[in-house]
C-alpha atoms as a PDB file:
ATOM      1  CA  MET A   1       0.007  -0.004  -0.005  1.00  0.00           C
ATOM      2  CA  GLY A   2       1.452   3.314  -1.061  1.00  0.00           C
ATOM      3  CA  LEU A   3       1.803   6.447   1.087  1.00  0.00           C
ATOM      4  CA  GLN A   4      -1.155   8.168  -0.617  1.00  0.00           C
ATOM      5  CA  ASP A   5      -3.419   5.137  -0.033  1.00  0.00           C
ATOM      6  CA  ARG A   6      -2.460   5.003   3.655  1.00  0.00           C
ATOM      7  CA  ARG A   7      -3.351   8.715   4.050  1.00  0.00           C
ATOM      8  CA  ARG A   8      -6.768   8.146   2.448  1.00  0.00           C
ATOM      9  CA  LEU A   9      -7.467   5.197   4.773  1.00  0.00           C
ATOM     10  CA  ARG A  10      -6.439   7.217   7.824  1.00  0.00           C
ATOM     11  CA  GLN A  11      -8.662  10.129   6.753  1.00  0.00           C
ATOM     12  CA  HIS A  12     -11.603   7.721   6.252  1.00  0.00           C
ATOM     13  CA  ARG A  13     -11.163   6.291   9.774  1.00  0.00           C
ATOM     14  CA  LEU A  14     -11.200   9.786  11.276  1.00  0.00           C
ATOM     15  CA  THR A  15     -14.260  11.089   9.426  1.00  0.00           C
ATOM     16  CA  ALA A  16     -16.435   7.957   9.271  1.00  0.00           C
ATOM     17  CA  PRO A  17     -17.863   8.263  12.833  1.00  0.00           C
ATOM     18  CA  ILE A  18     -18.794  11.914  12.254  1.00  0.00           C
ATOM     19  CA  VAL A  19     -20.455  11.185   8.925  1.00  0.00           C
ATOM     20  CA  GLN A  20     -22.382   8.299  10.483  1.00  0.00           C
ATOM     21  CA  THR A  21     -23.526  10.532  13.359  1.00  0.00           C
ATOM     22  CA  ILE A  22     -24.763  13.241  10.971  1.00  0.00           C
ATOM     23  CA  HIS A  23     -26.736  10.702   8.910  1.00  0.00           C
ATOM     24  CA  GLN A  24     -28.362   9.291  12.048  1.00  0.00           C
ATOM     25  CA  GLU A  25     -29.427  12.596  13.628  1.00  0.00           C
ATOM     26  CA  PRO A  26     -33.180  13.179  13.855  1.00  0.00           C
ATOM     27  CA  GLY A  27     -34.975  15.283  11.283  1.00  0.00           C
ATOM     28  CA  PRO A  28     -36.721  18.596  11.936  1.00  0.00           C
ATOM     29  CA  SER A  29     -39.984  16.881  12.896  1.00  0.00           C
ATOM     30  CA  GLU A  30     -38.207  14.946  15.667  1.00  0.00           C
ATOM     31  CA  ALA A  31     -36.221  17.874  17.071  1.00  0.00           C
ATOM     32  CA  THR A  32     -37.018  18.761  20.682  1.00  0.00           C
ATOM     33  CA  THR A  33     -35.378  22.174  20.789  1.00  0.00           C
ATOM     34  CA  THR A  34     -37.552  25.282  20.775  1.00  0.00           C
ATOM     35  CA  TRP A  35     -36.921  28.993  20.681  1.00  0.00           C
ATOM     36  CA  GLY A  36     -35.464  29.834  24.079  1.00  0.00           C
ATOM     37  CA  ARG A  37     -32.375  30.242  26.115  1.00  0.00           C
ATOM     38  CA  ASN A  38     -30.152  27.187  26.578  1.00  0.00           C
ATOM     39  CA  PRO A  39     -28.006  26.957  29.701  1.00  0.00           C
ATOM     40  CA  PRO A  40     -24.867  29.085  29.300  1.00  0.00           C
ATOM     41  CA  LEU A  41     -21.668  27.370  28.188  1.00  0.00           C
ATOM     42  CA  GLN A  42     -19.411  26.525  31.116  1.00  0.00           C
ATOM     43  CA  ASP A  43     -16.316  27.424  29.174  1.00  0.00           C
ATOM     44  CA  ARG A  44     -16.100  29.836  26.254  1.00  0.00           C
ATOM     45  CA  GLY A  45     -13.651  27.482  24.600  1.00  0.00           C
ATOM     46  CA  GLN A  46     -15.743  24.382  25.304  1.00  0.00           C
ATOM     47  CA  SER A  47     -15.931  22.062  22.305  1.00  0.00           C
ATOM     48  CA  ARG A  48     -19.335  21.190  20.856  1.00  0.00           C
ATOM     49  CA  ASP A  49     -20.769  17.741  20.473  1.00  0.00           C
ATOM     50  CA  PRO A  50     -20.508  16.687  16.790  1.00  0.00           C
ATOM     51  CA  ARG A  51     -24.242  15.895  16.956  1.00  0.00           C
ATOM     52  CA  ASP A  52     -25.049  19.590  17.594  1.00  0.00           C
ATOM     53  CA  SER A  53     -25.748  20.543  14.016  1.00  0.00           C
ATOM     54  CA  PRO A  54     -27.425  23.835  12.981  1.00  0.00           C
ATOM     55  CA  ARG A  55     -30.704  21.911  12.786  1.00  0.00           C
ATOM     56  CA  ASP A  56     -30.446  21.278  16.524  1.00  0.00           C
ATOM     57  CA  LEU A  57     -29.925  24.965  17.293  1.00  0.00           C
ATOM     58  CA  VAL A  58     -32.695  26.361  15.070  1.00  0.00           C
ATOM     59  CA  PRO A  59     -36.173  24.781  15.267  1.00  0.00           C
ATOM     60  CA  PRO A  60     -38.246  24.181  12.134  1.00  0.00           C
ATOM     61  CA  LEU A  61     -40.261  27.098  10.852  1.00  0.00           C
ATOM     62  CA  PRO A  62     -44.035  26.972  11.376  1.00  0.00           C
ATOM     63  CA  HIS A  63     -46.204  26.182   8.386  1.00  0.00           C
ATOM     64  CA  ILE A  64     -47.747  29.283   6.854  1.00  0.00           C
ATOM     65  CA  GLU A  65     -50.833  28.831   4.721  1.00  0.00           C
ATOM     66  CA  LEU A  66     -51.343  31.432   1.998  1.00  0.00           C
ATOM     67  CA  ARG A  67     -55.007  32.394   1.742  1.00  0.00           C
ATOM     68  CA  PRO A  68     -55.465  35.519  -0.414  1.00  0.00           C
ATOM     69  CA  GLU A  69     -59.242  35.159  -0.678  1.00  0.00           C
ATOM     70  CA  PRO A  70     -60.113  36.600   2.783  1.00  0.00           C
ATOM     71  CA  ILE A  71     -57.772  39.526   2.165  1.00  0.00           C
ATOM     72  CA  ASN A  72     -59.300  40.253  -1.239  1.00  0.00           C
ATOM     73  CA  ASN A  73     -62.815  40.007   0.174  1.00  0.00           C
ATOM     74  CA  GLY A  74     -61.961  42.236   3.121  1.00  0.00           C
ATOM     75  CA  LEU A  75     -60.332  44.775   0.836  1.00  0.00           C
ATOM     76  CA  ARG A  76     -63.342  44.943  -1.460  1.00  0.00           C
ATOM     77  CA  LYS A  77     -65.618  45.418   1.551  1.00  0.00           C
ATOM     78  CA  GLU A  78     -63.491  48.239   2.932  1.00  0.00           C
ATOM     79  CA  LEU A  79     -63.099  50.109  -0.343  1.00  0.00           C
ATOM     80  CA  SER A  80     -66.672  49.630  -1.547  1.00  0.00           C
ATOM     81  CA  ALA A  81     -68.021  51.789   1.286  1.00  0.00           C
ATOM     82  CA  PRO A  82     -68.721  55.427   0.319  1.00  0.00           C
ATOM     83  CA  LEU A  83     -66.004  57.955   1.013  1.00  0.00           C
ATOM     84  CA  PRO A  84     -66.515  60.064   4.147  1.00  0.00           C
ATOM     85  CA  PRO A  85     -67.499  63.716   3.647  1.00  0.00           C
ATOM     86  CA  ASP A  86     -64.485  65.927   3.111  1.00  0.00           C
ATOM     87  CA  GLU A  87     -63.864  68.127   6.118  1.00  0.00           C
ATOM     88  CA  GLU A  88     -61.267  70.250   4.326  1.00  0.00           C
ATOM     89  CA  PRO A  89     -62.529  72.579   1.593  1.00  0.00           C
ATOM     90  CA  GLN A  90     -59.037  72.508   0.063  1.00  0.00           C
ATOM     91  CA  ILE A  91     -56.789  69.537   0.738  1.00  0.00           C
ATOM     92  CA  PHE A  92     -53.825  71.250  -0.928  1.00  0.00           C
ATOM     93  CA  THR A  93     -53.202  74.970  -1.317  1.00  0.00           C
ATOM     94  CA  PRO A  94     -51.202  76.807  -3.999  1.00  0.00           C
ATOM     95  CA  ARG A  95     -48.683  77.720  -1.327  1.00  0.00           C
ATOM     96  CA  MET A  96     -48.140  74.037  -0.514  1.00  0.00           C
ATOM     97  CA  VAL A  97     -47.695  73.243  -4.198  1.00  0.00           C
ATOM     98  CA  ARG A  98     -45.193  76.106  -4.716  1.00  0.00           C
ATOM     99  CA  ASP A  99     -43.255  74.936  -1.678  1.00  0.00           C
ATOM    100  CA  ALA A 100     -43.020  71.397  -3.057  1.00  0.00           C
ATOM    101  CA  ILE A 101     -41.936  72.698  -6.466  1.00  0.00           C
ATOM    102  CA  SER A 102     -39.172  74.772  -4.938  1.00  0.00           C
ATOM    103  CA  LYS A 103     -37.634  71.637  -3.387  1.00  0.00           C
ATOM    104  CA  LEU A 104     -37.536  69.617  -6.624  1.00  0.00           C
ATOM    105  CA  LYS A 105     -34.044  68.678  -7.834  1.00  0.00           C
ATOM    106  CA  LEU A 106     -33.310  70.317 -11.163  1.00  0.00           C
ATOM    107  CA  LYS A 107     -30.925  67.619 -12.410  1.00  0.00           C
ATOM    108  CA  LYS A 108     -33.492  64.830 -12.322  1.00  0.00           C
ATOM    109  CA  ALA A 109     -34.329  63.328 -15.707  1.00  0.00           C
ATOM    110  CA  PRO A 110     -37.943  63.735 -16.880  1.00  0.00           C
ATOM    111  CA  GLY A 111     -40.366  60.947 -17.706  1.00  0.00           C
ATOM    112  CA  ALA A 112     -41.930  60.053 -21.035  1.00  0.00           C
ATOM    113  CA  ASP A 113     -43.787  63.410 -21.252  1.00  0.00           C
ATOM    114  CA  GLY A 114     -40.505  65.354 -21.316  1.00  0.00           C
ATOM    115  CA  ILE A 115     -41.617  67.889 -18.649  1.00  0.00           C
ATOM    116  CA  THR A 116     -38.598  68.783 -16.512  1.00  0.00           C
ATOM    117  CA  ASN A 117     -38.436  69.996 -12.920  1.00  0.00           C
ATOM    118  CA  SER A 118     -36.949  73.226 -14.265  1.00  0.00           C
ATOM    119  CA  ALA A 119     -40.121  73.784 -16.286  1.00  0.00           C
ATOM    120  CA  LEU A 120     -42.216  73.364 -13.165  1.00  0.00           C
ATOM    121  CA  ARG A 121     -40.025  75.894 -11.347  1.00  0.00           C
ATOM    122  CA  HIS A 122     -40.937  78.519 -13.974  1.00  0.00           C
ATOM    123  CA  LEU A 123     -44.688  77.975 -13.851  1.00  0.00           C
ATOM    124  CA  PRO A 124     -46.671  81.222 -13.347  1.00  0.00           C
ATOM    125  CA  ARG A 125     -49.137  81.589 -10.483  1.00  0.00           C
ATOM    126  CA  PRO A 126     -52.250  80.710 -12.602  1.00  0.00           C
ATOM    127  CA  ALA A 127     -50.603  77.438 -13.664  1.00  0.00           C
ATOM    128  CA  VAL A 128     -49.730  76.580 -10.060  1.00  0.00           C
ATOM    129  CA  ALA A 129     -53.353  77.292  -9.105  1.00  0.00           C
ATOM    130  CA  ALA A 130     -54.518  74.974 -11.910  1.00  0.00           C
ATOM    131  CA  LEU A 131     -52.185  72.247 -10.654  1.00  0.00           C
ATOM    132  CA  THR A 132     -53.595  72.710  -7.188  1.00  0.00           C
ATOM    133  CA  ARG A 133     -57.181  72.230  -8.453  1.00  0.00           C
ATOM    134  CA  LEU A 134     -56.042  69.111 -10.311  1.00  0.00           C
ATOM    135  CA  PHE A 135     -54.371  67.629  -7.189  1.00  0.00           C
ATOM    136  CA  ASN A 136     -57.433  68.364  -5.078  1.00  0.00           C
ATOM    137  CA  GLY A 137     -59.642  66.739  -7.700  1.00  0.00           C
ATOM    138  CA  ILE A 138     -57.529  63.568  -7.475  1.00  0.00           C
ATOM    139  CA  MET A 139     -58.014  63.501  -3.709  1.00  0.00           C
ATOM    140  CA  ARG A 140     -61.761  64.067  -3.944  1.00  0.00           C
ATOM    141  CA  THR A 141     -62.409  61.423  -6.619  1.00  0.00           C
ATOM    142  CA  GLY A 142     -59.744  58.908  -5.657  1.00  0.00           C
ATOM    143  CA  HIS A 143     -58.703  58.601  -9.320  1.00  0.00           C
ATOM    144  CA  PHE A 144     -55.007  58.804 -10.257  1.00  0.00           C
ATOM    145  CA  PRO A 145     -54.533  60.033 -13.895  1.00  0.00           C
ATOM    146  CA  THR A 146     -53.800  57.170 -16.267  1.00  0.00           C
ATOM    147  CA  ILE A 147     -51.232  59.243 -18.206  1.00  0.00           C
ATOM    148  CA  TRP A 148     -49.105  59.443 -15.039  1.00  0.00           C
ATOM    149  CA  LYS A 149     -48.994  55.656 -14.598  1.00  0.00           C
ATOM    150  CA  GLY A 150     -46.497  55.003 -17.329  1.00  0.00           C
ATOM    151  CA  SER A 151     -42.782  54.727 -16.506  1.00  0.00           C
ATOM    152  CA  LEU A 152     -39.877  55.015 -18.934  1.00  0.00           C
ATOM    153  CA  VAL A 153     -37.135  52.499 -18.243  1.00  0.00           C
ATOM    154  CA  VAL A 154     -33.589  53.379 -19.355  1.00  0.00           C
ATOM    155  CA  MET A 155     -30.856  50.733 -19.261  1.00  0.00           C
ATOM    156  CA  ILE A 156     -27.582  52.007 -17.776  1.00  0.00           C
ATOM    157  CA  PRO A 157     -24.534  49.759 -18.331  1.00  0.00           C
ATOM    158  CA  LYS A 158     -22.639  48.749 -15.215  1.00  0.00           C
ATOM    159  CA  PRO A 159     -18.948  49.748 -15.303  1.00  0.00           C
ATOM    160  CA  GLY A 160     -16.571  46.942 -16.180  1.00  0.00           C
ATOM    161  CA  LYS A 161     -19.296  44.516 -17.189  1.00  0.00           C
ATOM    162  CA  ASN A 162     -19.892  42.701 -20.476  1.00  0.00           C
ATOM    163  CA  ILE A 163     -22.330  44.869 -22.430  1.00  0.00           C
ATOM    164  CA  LEU A 164     -23.619  41.820 -24.333  1.00  0.00           C
ATOM    165  CA  LYS A 165     -25.222  40.365 -21.181  1.00  0.00           C
ATOM    166  CA  LEU A 166     -28.562  41.558 -19.786  1.00  0.00           C
ATOM    167  CA  GLU A 167     -27.383  41.387 -16.151  1.00  0.00           C
ATOM    168  CA  SER A 168     -24.672  43.949 -17.035  1.00  0.00           C
ATOM    169  CA  TYR A 169     -27.302  46.738 -17.164  1.00  0.00           C
ATOM    170  CA  ARG A 170     -29.031  48.590 -14.359  1.00  0.00           C
ATOM    171  CA  PRO A 171     -32.648  49.614 -15.184  1.00  0.00           C
ATOM    172  CA  ILE A 172     -33.566  53.175 -14.190  1.00  0.00           C
ATOM    173  CA  SER A 173     -37.253  54.026 -14.058  1.00  0.00           C
ATOM    174  CA  LEU A 174     -38.227  57.602 -15.011  1.00  0.00           C
ATOM    175  CA  LEU A 175     -41.648  58.861 -13.916  1.00  0.00           C
ATOM    176  CA  PRO A 176     -43.544  62.000 -15.006  1.00  0.00           C
ATOM    177  CA  THR A 177     -42.402  64.960 -12.935  1.00  0.00           C
ATOM    178  CA  THR A 178     -45.963  66.186 -12.367  1.00  0.00           C
ATOM    179  CA  SER A 179     -46.832  62.788 -10.933  1.00  0.00           C
ATOM    180  CA  LYS A 180     -43.828  62.904  -8.600  1.00  0.00           C
ATOM    181  CA  LEU A 181     -44.871  66.364  -7.457  1.00  0.00           C
ATOM    182  CA  PHE A 182     -48.264  65.071  -6.438  1.00  0.00           C
ATOM    183  CA  GLU A 183     -46.701  62.063  -4.721  1.00  0.00           C
ATOM    184  CA  VAL A 184     -44.566  64.352  -2.579  1.00  0.00           C
ATOM    185  CA  LEU A 185     -47.697  66.183  -1.382  1.00  0.00           C
ATOM    186  CA  LEU A 186     -49.552  62.917  -0.828  1.00  0.00           C
ATOM    187  CA  LEU A 187     -46.678  61.502   1.240  1.00  0.00           C
ATOM    188  CA  ARG A 188     -46.869  64.557   3.483  1.00  0.00           C
ATOM    189  CA  LYS A 189     -50.507  63.796   4.113  1.00  0.00           C
ATOM    190  CA  MET A 190     -49.675  60.176   4.898  1.00  0.00           C
ATOM    191  CA  HIS A 191     -46.756  60.746   7.253  1.00  0.00           C
ATOM    192  CA  PRO A 192     -48.779  61.688  10.379  1.00  0.00           C
ATOM    193  CA  HIS A 193     -50.654  58.375  10.087  1.00  0.00           C
ATOM    194  CA  LEU A 194     -47.588  56.163   9.668  1.00  0.00           C
ATOM    195  CA  SER A 195     -46.083  54.601  12.797  1.00  0.00           C
ATOM    196  CA  PRO A 196     -43.445  52.009  11.827  1.00  0.00           C
ATOM    197  CA  ARG A 197     -42.263  49.527  14.408  1.00  0.00           C
ATOM    198  CA  PRO A 198     -39.259  50.593  16.533  1.00  0.00           C
ATOM    199  CA  GLU A 199     -36.994  48.002  14.851  1.00  0.00           C
ATOM    200  CA  GLN A 200     -37.470  49.660  11.469  1.00  0.00           C
ATOM    201  CA  PHE A 201     -34.504  51.918  10.649  1.00  0.00           C
ATOM    202  CA  GLY A 202     -34.878  51.973   6.869  1.00  0.00           C
ATOM    203  CA  PHE A 203     -36.434  54.921   5.077  1.00  0.00           C
ATOM    204  CA  ARG A 204     -36.823  56.892   8.318  1.00  0.00           C
ATOM    205  CA  SER A 205     -35.420  60.312   9.122  1.00  0.00           C
ATOM    206  CA  GLU A 206     -32.869  60.497  11.926  1.00  0.00           C
ATOM    207  CA  HIS A 207     -32.279  56.737  11.612  1.00  0.00           C
ATOM    208  CA  SER A 208     -29.244  55.157   9.955  1.00  0.00           C
ATOM    209  CA  ASN A 209     -27.510  51.827   9.416  1.00  0.00           C
ATOM    210  CA  THR A 210     -24.784  52.984  11.785  1.00  0.00           C
ATOM    211  CA  GLN A 211     -27.278  53.225  14.632  1.00  0.00           C
ATOM    212  CA  GLN A 212     -28.716  49.839  13.740  1.00  0.00           C
ATOM    213  CA  LEU A 213     -25.235  48.322  13.725  1.00  0.00           C
ATOM    214  CA  SER A 214     -24.534  49.768  17.176  1.00  0.00           C
ATOM    215  CA  ARG A 215     -27.776  48.221  18.435  1.00  0.00           C
ATOM    216  CA  VAL A 216     -26.834  44.830  17.005  1.00  0.00           C
ATOM    217  CA  LEU A 217     -23.346  44.905  18.496  1.00  0.00           C
ATOM    218  CA  HIS A 218     -24.817  45.811  21.906  1.00  0.00           C
ATOM    219  CA  LEU A 219     -27.138  42.803  21.860  1.00  0.00           C
ATOM    220  CA  LEU A 220     -24.431  40.433  20.567  1.00  0.00           C
ATOM    221  CA  THR A 221     -21.938  41.569  23.190  1.00  0.00           C
ATOM    222  CA  GLY A 222     -24.506  41.123  25.964  1.00  0.00           C
ATOM    223  CA  ALA A 223     -25.310  37.602  24.814  1.00  0.00           C
ATOM    224  CA  LEU A 224     -21.655  36.611  24.532  1.00  0.00           C
ATOM    225  CA  ASN A 225     -20.871  38.009  27.999  1.00  0.00           C
ATOM    226  CA  LYS A 226     -23.574  35.665  29.355  1.00  0.00           C
ATOM    227  CA  LYS A 227     -21.999  32.808  27.398  1.00  0.00           C
ATOM    228  CA  GLU A 228     -25.137  32.313  25.334  1.00  0.00           C
ATOM    229  CA  ARG A 229     -25.305  31.039  21.795  1.00  0.00           C
ATOM    230  CA  VAL A 230     -26.460  33.531  19.206  1.00  0.00           C
ATOM    231  CA  VAL A 231     -27.732  32.713  15.726  1.00  0.00           C
ATOM    232  CA  ALA A 232     -28.056  35.527  13.203  1.00  0.00           C
ATOM    233  CA  ALA A 233     -30.117  35.442   9.995  1.00  0.00           C
ATOM    234  CA  PHE A 234     -29.635  38.069   7.282  1.00  0.00           C
ATOM    235  CA  PRO A 235     -32.370  37.589   4.646  1.00  0.00           C
ATOM    236  CA  ASP A 236     -31.972  40.046   1.765  1.00  0.00           C
ATOM    237  CA  MET A 237     -35.118  40.780  -0.197  1.00  0.00           C
ATOM    238  CA  GLU A 238     -34.166  40.479  -3.869  1.00  0.00           C
ATOM    239  CA  LYS A 239     -36.213  42.820  -6.099  1.00  0.00           C
ATOM    240  CA  ALA A 240     -38.086  43.928  -2.995  1.00  0.00           C
ATOM    241  CA  PHE A 241     -40.031  46.796  -4.538  1.00  0.00           C
ATOM    242  CA  ASP A 242     -40.965  44.769  -7.618  1.00  0.00           C
ATOM    243  CA  ARG A 243     -42.620  41.976  -5.694  1.00  0.00           C
ATOM    244  CA  VAL A 244     -45.002  43.846  -3.396  1.00  0.00           C
ATOM    245  CA  TRP A 245     -48.480  42.288  -3.484  1.00  0.00           C
ATOM    246  CA  HIS A 246     -50.916  45.114  -4.252  1.00  0.00           C
ATOM    247  CA  GLU A 247     -53.997  43.654  -2.555  1.00  0.00           C
ATOM    248  CA  GLY A 248     -52.033  42.728   0.573  1.00  0.00           C
ATOM    249  CA  LEU A 249     -50.503  46.218   0.733  1.00  0.00           C
ATOM    250  CA  LEU A 250     -53.856  47.964   0.355  1.00  0.00           C
ATOM    251  CA  TYR A 251     -55.417  45.667   2.958  1.00  0.00           C
ATOM    252  CA  LYS A 252     -52.696  46.652   5.429  1.00  0.00           C
ATOM    253  CA  CYS A 253     -53.366  50.283   4.599  1.00  0.00           C
ATOM    254  CA  THR A 254     -57.000  49.831   5.652  1.00  0.00           C
ATOM    255  CA  MET A 255     -55.778  48.430   8.993  1.00  0.00           C
ATOM    256  CA  THR A 256     -53.875  51.670   9.746  1.00  0.00           C
ATOM    257  CA  PRO A 257     -55.112  55.172  10.622  1.00  0.00           C
ATOM    258  CA  ILE A 258     -54.466  56.275   7.010  1.00  0.00           C
ATOM    259  CA  PRO A 259     -57.647  58.077   5.833  1.00  0.00           C
ATOM    260  CA  LYS A 260     -59.789  55.996   3.511  1.00  0.00           C
ATOM    261  CA  ARG A 261     -59.672  58.777   0.930  1.00  0.00           C
ATOM    262  CA  ILE A 262     -55.880  58.353   0.666  1.00  0.00           C
ATOM    263  CA  VAL A 263     -56.259  54.540   0.425  1.00  0.00           C
ATOM    264  CA  HIS A 264     -58.570  55.026  -2.563  1.00  0.00           C
ATOM    265  CA  VAL A 265     -55.929  57.195  -4.223  1.00  0.00           C
ATOM    266  CA  LEU A 266     -53.265  54.566  -3.506  1.00  0.00           C
ATOM    267  CA  ARG A 267     -55.412  51.847  -5.045  1.00  0.00           C
ATOM    268  CA  SER A 268     -55.767  53.878  -8.236  1.00  0.00           C
ATOM    269  CA  PHE A 269     -52.054  54.784  -8.061  1.00  0.00           C
ATOM    270  CA  LEU A 270     -51.041  51.106  -8.111  1.00  0.00           C
ATOM    271  CA  ALA A 271     -53.595  49.805 -10.581  1.00  0.00           C
ATOM    272  CA  ASN A 272     -52.999  49.431 -14.350  1.00  0.00           C
ATOM    273  CA  ARG A 273     -49.430  50.757 -14.324  1.00  0.00           C
ATOM    274  CA  THR A 274     -47.294  50.236 -17.417  1.00  0.00           C
ATOM    275  CA  PHE A 275     -43.649  50.614 -18.438  1.00  0.00           C
ATOM    276  CA  GLN A 276     -41.717  51.077 -21.648  1.00  0.00           C
ATOM    277  CA  VAL A 277     -38.023  50.379 -22.234  1.00  0.00           C
ATOM    278  CA  ARG A 278     -35.879  52.755 -24.283  1.00  0.00           C
ATOM    279  CA  ILE A 279     -32.589  51.458 -25.745  1.00  0.00           C
ATOM    280  CA  GLU A 280     -30.517  53.600 -28.099  1.00  0.00           C
ATOM    281  CA  GLY A 281     -33.488  55.726 -29.065  1.00  0.00           C
ATOM    282  CA  THR A 282     -35.815  52.789 -29.696  1.00  0.00           C
ATOM    283  CA  LEU A 283     -38.926  52.588 -27.517  1.00  0.00           C
ATOM    284  CA  SER A 284     -40.627  49.280 -26.764  1.00  0.00           C
ATOM    285  CA  SER A 285     -44.349  48.770 -26.507  1.00  0.00           C
ATOM    286  CA  ALA A 286     -46.079  49.350 -23.185  1.00  0.00           C
ATOM    287  CA  ARG A 287     -46.137  46.354 -20.836  1.00  0.00           C
ATOM    288  CA  PRO A 288     -48.290  45.983 -17.691  1.00  0.00           C
ATOM    289  CA  MET A 289     -46.900  45.950 -14.151  1.00  0.00           C
ATOM    290  CA  MET A 290     -48.840  43.301 -12.277  1.00  0.00           C
ATOM    291  CA  ALA A 291     -47.130  43.742  -8.895  1.00  0.00           C
ATOM    292  CA  GLY A 292     -44.686  45.955  -7.052  1.00  0.00           C
ATOM    293  CA  VAL A 293     -44.426  49.615  -6.178  1.00  0.00           C
ATOM    294  CA  PRO A 294     -42.978  51.973  -8.828  1.00  0.00           C
ATOM    295  CA  GLN A 295     -39.260  52.569  -8.722  1.00  0.00           C
ATOM    296  CA  GLY A 296     -38.388  56.247  -8.434  1.00  0.00           C
ATOM    297  CA  SER A 297     -41.520  57.230  -6.515  1.00  0.00           C
ATOM    298  CA  CYS A 298     -41.144  58.834  -3.106  1.00  0.00           C
ATOM    299  CA  LEU A 299     -44.216  56.815  -1.988  1.00  0.00           C
ATOM    300  CA  SER A 300     -42.540  53.463  -2.646  1.00  0.00           C
ATOM    301  CA  PRO A 301     -40.211  53.323   0.384  1.00  0.00           C
ATOM    302  CA  ALA A 302     -43.075  54.214   2.766  1.00  0.00           C
ATOM    303  CA  LEU A 303     -45.390  51.671   1.122  1.00  0.00           C
ATOM    304  CA  TYR A 304     -42.756  48.938   1.229  1.00  0.00           C
ATOM    305  CA  SER A 305     -42.048  49.639   4.909  1.00  0.00           C
ATOM    306  CA  LEU A 306     -45.794  49.444   5.591  1.00  0.00           C
ATOM    307  CA  PHE A 307     -46.045  46.177   3.676  1.00  0.00           C
ATOM    308  CA  THR A 308     -43.273  44.512   5.718  1.00  0.00           C
ATOM    309  CA  ASP A 309     -44.094  46.121   9.049  1.00  0.00           C
ATOM    310  CA  ASN A 310     -45.929  43.196  10.642  1.00  0.00           C
ATOM    311  CA  ILE A 311     -43.211  40.574  10.336  1.00  0.00           C
ATOM    312  CA  PRO A 312     -43.789  38.064  13.190  1.00  0.00           C
ATOM    313  CA  THR A 313     -41.047  37.635  15.799  1.00  0.00           C
ATOM    314  CA  SER A 314     -40.344  35.448  18.792  1.00  0.00           C
ATOM    315  CA  ASN A 315     -40.028  36.518  22.409  1.00  0.00           C
ATOM    316  CA  ASP A 316     -36.392  35.370  22.377  1.00  0.00           C
ATOM    317  CA  ALA A 317     -35.504  36.953  19.031  1.00  0.00           C
ATOM    318  CA  HIS A 318     -34.569  40.499  18.189  1.00  0.00           C
ATOM    319  CA  LEU A 319     -35.562  41.979  14.837  1.00  0.00           C
ATOM    320  CA  HIS A 320     -33.568  44.691  13.078  1.00  0.00           C
ATOM    321  CA  CYS A 321     -34.790  46.183   9.804  1.00  0.00           C
ATOM    322  CA  THR A 322     -32.838  48.148   7.205  1.00  0.00           C
ATOM    323  CA  PRO A 323     -34.185  49.156   3.770  1.00  0.00           C
ATOM    324  CA  THR A 324     -34.443  45.689   2.147  1.00  0.00           C
ATOM    325  CA  THR A 325     -32.826  43.495   4.810  1.00  0.00           C
ATOM    326  CA  ARG A 326     -34.350  41.859   7.880  1.00  0.00           C
ATOM    327  CA  ARG A 327     -31.978  40.642  10.621  1.00  0.00           C
ATOM    328  CA  THR A 328     -33.083  38.246  13.335  1.00  0.00           C
ATOM    329  CA  TYR A 329     -30.934  37.349  16.375  1.00  0.00           C
ATOM    330  CA  PRO A 330     -32.422  34.605  18.555  1.00  0.00           C
ATOM    331  CA  HIS A 331     -30.574  33.740  21.772  1.00  0.00           C
ATOM    332  CA  LEU A 332     -30.342  29.982  22.079  1.00  0.00           C
END
């Protein structure tokens, strides 16, 4: 027997008991561990039993049954009721519209209509008054203009990537500037009624990832000082904005203090949206958007946060939320 064969035999003798133990360990249905605190380790350097696999530390997830019918029925019931009488004779004023226009960024690219933010800045007072009447009409009727629902998608090549591959391009969605102006005003009306959970740090003023990281380090350090085991999960929501379920989002809106009049506008805002792709001056045909919140809209971060706000947690787990990432730290 050669030297190489003897090494292989020795390696097999060392690993065979471990492999056999792993194959014989109980499945998730037989696991007896639950979310909770295990007794602290006696020694920080104590070795673990080979049978303590990750499946022993983390219990199986509960079964979740997807039933969209009750949500759809509840949403239809909520939105079929007549709108309450308007208590405000003017929901928006010309002064509010002028203030929103003054804060628009001039270097932003326009949508398919070609109207720039600079053009809105130079509107005379009668035109601003006409815009105000239009915005108030949208709020009274709950109808978002169809012409504002189309987005223009421009493909921007990523630096250093192969331009012949589709994944080498970053799609940028351009919305009509007049639509974005109305969305800014609508978001201001929504803000007093939004109360995200304390763990949510994404898309919130005076909150940052640095503060969230400090909070995480504090909890991890405390658990390690008590010689507890800590398991961290970092699920990243791929294409988060593009996969928002419209009916589920609107149903959650009806469960919040957001006025029903605004919910009606949001329903029309999300319905029947389309997009067109422009590549080297060639424009594609319009395609429908069946799900998701529009990229480039100031409403989308708030709506996405509302959609993911009721993530269930455990008593022994800490939840930390950043824009499209959810972190869970259960102490085991």
